[in-house]
């Protein structure tokens, strides 16, 4: 998937989740201001996402596009009216407030403490410049 396609699809998924519906109406100008894609990119992304079976859309007057979110497995719109509000099971307060346990990683120190009268180069890692790896313009 190209970046413009990904950006449009992520925008549609976020709007679908925010509005809790599978039908999103938006203009290219609104999407462009939030996503930052060019109008031609959005046009190509719409076509590709429909080819992939992820969305359906129809152009309306005034550069409005109603997007219908499709089931990625079947490529068809989900059953039911896409305008209906989709309510999902809410998490219990205990689940949403439980902190995630992330193990702390400790890395061994590769650098020893600098000596009292050491030159500035002894602080941190040494700077090694290799002419073979540098690129010139």
Protein backbone atom coordinates (compact mmCIF):
# COMPACT_ATOMS: atom_id res chain seq x y z
CA UNK A 1 0.00 0.00 0.00
CA UNK A 2 1.32 3.42 -0.89
CA UNK A 3 1.55 6.16 1.77
CA UNK A 4 -1.43 8.10 0.37
CA UNK A 5 -3.59 4.97 0.41
CA UNK A 6 -2.53 4.17 3.95
CA UNK A 7 -3.18 7.72 5.10
CA UNK A 8 -6.68 7.80 3.61
CA UNK A 9 -7.54 4.39 5.05
CA UNK A 10 -6.27 5.32 8.52
CA UNK A 11 -8.27 8.56 8.35
CA UNK A 12 -11.43 6.63 7.44
CA UNK A 13 -10.87 4.08 10.21
CA UNK A 14 -10.34 6.81 12.80
CA UNK A 15 -13.47 8.67 11.67
CA UNK A 16 -15.44 5.42 11.65
CA UNK A 17 -14.31 4.68 15.18
CA UNK A 18 -14.92 8.24 16.37
CA UNK A 19 -18.42 8.48 14.88
CA UNK A 20 -19.15 4.77 15.47
CA UNK A 21 -20.53 4.31 11.98
CA UNK A 22 -19.39 2.65 8.77
CA UNK A 23 -20.50 5.52 6.54
CA UNK A 24 -18.22 8.54 6.51
CA UNK A 25 -18.97 11.64 4.43
CA UNK A 26 -16.04 13.94 3.80
CA UNK A 27 -14.69 16.35 1.24
CA UNK A 28 -11.24 16.14 -0.27
CA UNK A 29 -10.43 19.50 1.31
CA UNK A 30 -11.26 18.21 4.80
CA UNK A 31 -9.21 15.05 4.33
CA UNK A 32 -6.38 17.00 2.75
CA UNK A 33 -6.18 19.40 5.69
CA UNK A 34 -5.97 16.54 8.19
CA UNK A 35 -3.92 14.01 6.23
CA UNK A 36 -1.77 16.34 4.15
CA UNK A 37 -2.15 14.41 0.89
CA UNK A 38 -2.53 16.10 -2.48
CA UNK A 39 -5.93 15.97 -4.24
CA UNK A 40 -4.57 13.68 -6.96
CA UNK A 41 -3.14 11.36 -4.31
CA UNK A 42 -6.54 11.13 -2.63
CA UNK A 43 -8.19 10.36 -5.96
CA UNK A 44 -5.73 7.54 -6.68
CA UNK A 45 -5.96 6.25 -3.09
CA UNK A 46 -9.77 6.07 -3.26
CA UNK A 47 -9.58 3.99 -6.43
CA UNK A 48 -6.96 1.64 -5.03
CA UNK A 49 -8.74 1.14 -1.70
CA UNK A 50 -11.89 0.22 -3.62
CA UNK A 51 -9.87 -2.22 -5.74
CA UNK A 52 -8.50 -3.79 -2.56
CA UNK A 53 -12.06 -4.22 -1.27
CA UNK A 54 -11.54 -2.03 1.78
CA UNK A 55 -14.00 0.76 0.95
CA UNK A 56 -16.78 1.75 -1.41
CA UNK A 57 -17.36 5.35 -2.40
CA UNK A 58 -19.48 7.47 -4.70
CA UNK A 59 -18.78 11.01 -5.85
CA UNK A 60 -21.48 13.54 -4.95
CA UNK A 61 -22.04 17.13 -5.90
CA UNK A 62 -19.69 19.63 -4.27
CA UNK A 63 -16.74 17.22 -4.11
CA UNK A 64 -18.34 15.20 -1.28
CA UNK A 65 -17.60 11.51 -1.01
CA UNK A 66 -19.58 9.08 1.13
CA UNK A 67 -17.18 6.27 2.05
CA UNK A 68 -18.55 2.90 3.16
CA UNK A 69 -16.18 0.70 5.15
CA UNK A 70 -16.02 -2.88 3.83
CA UNK A 71 -15.07 -6.19 5.41
CA UNK A 72 -11.46 -6.87 4.32
CA UNK A 73 -12.12 -10.63 4.21
CA UNK A 74 -15.02 -10.44 1.75
CA UNK A 75 -14.51 -7.06 0.09
CA UNK A 76 -18.21 -6.30 0.57
CA UNK A 77 -19.79 -3.81 2.96
CA UNK A 78 -20.62 -5.14 6.39
CA UNK A 79 -24.17 -6.40 6.87
CA UNK A 80 -26.76 -3.93 8.09
CA UNK A 81 -27.24 -0.28 7.32
CA UNK A 82 -23.86 1.53 7.25
CA UNK A 83 -25.50 4.60 8.80
CA UNK A 84 -26.48 2.67 11.93
CA UNK A 85 -24.45 3.39 15.00
CA UNK A 86 -22.07 0.55 15.83
CA UNK A 87 -21.84 0.00 19.56
CA UNK A 88 -19.03 -2.19 20.76
CA UNK A 89 -18.67 -3.88 24.10
CA UNK A 90 -17.16 -1.44 26.54
CA UNK A 91 -14.32 -2.38 28.80
CA UNK A 92 -14.91 -2.52 32.51
CA UNK A 93 -13.31 0.28 34.53
CA UNK A 94 -10.93 -2.23 36.08
CA UNK A 95 -9.63 -3.28 32.66
CA UNK A 96 -9.16 0.24 31.37
CA UNK A 97 -7.34 1.48 34.49
CA UNK A 98 -5.03 -1.50 34.92
CA UNK A 99 -1.46 -0.44 34.14
CA UNK A 100 0.46 -2.35 31.54
CA UNK A 101 3.48 -4.15 32.93
CA UNK A 102 6.57 -3.48 30.86
CA UNK A 103 9.76 -5.13 32.04
CA UNK A 104 12.57 -2.69 32.65
CA UNK A 105 15.65 -3.38 30.59
CA UNK A 106 19.02 -2.59 31.98
CA UNK A 107 21.89 -2.19 29.58
CA UNK A 108 25.44 -2.68 30.73
CA UNK A 109 27.50 0.46 30.65
CA UNK A 110 30.13 0.41 27.91
CA UNK A 111 31.77 3.55 29.16
CA UNK A 112 33.77 3.90 32.30
CA UNK A 113 33.93 7.08 34.31
CA UNK A 114 36.28 9.69 32.80
CA UNK A 115 39.61 10.29 34.45
CA UNK A 116 40.23 13.55 36.28
CA UNK A 117 42.79 14.95 33.88
CA UNK A 118 41.44 13.23 30.77
CA UNK A 119 40.95 15.15 27.51
CA UNK A 120 37.47 15.95 26.26
CA UNK A 121 37.63 12.99 23.82
CA UNK A 122 37.51 10.54 26.72
CA UNK A 123 33.91 11.51 27.48
CA UNK A 124 31.41 9.35 25.57
CA UNK A 125 32.26 7.21 22.58
CA UNK A 126 35.17 8.08 20.33
CA UNK A 127 34.38 9.75 17.03
CA UNK A 128 35.66 7.63 14.17
CA UNK A 129 35.52 9.08 10.69
CA UNK A 130 35.89 6.72 7.76
CA UNK A 131 36.32 8.40 4.39
CA UNK A 132 35.11 5.31 2.53
CA UNK A 133 31.67 5.45 4.17
CA UNK A 134 31.12 9.19 3.72
CA UNK A 135 29.18 10.42 0.73
CA UNK A 136 29.87 13.64 -1.07
CA UNK A 137 27.33 15.73 -2.89
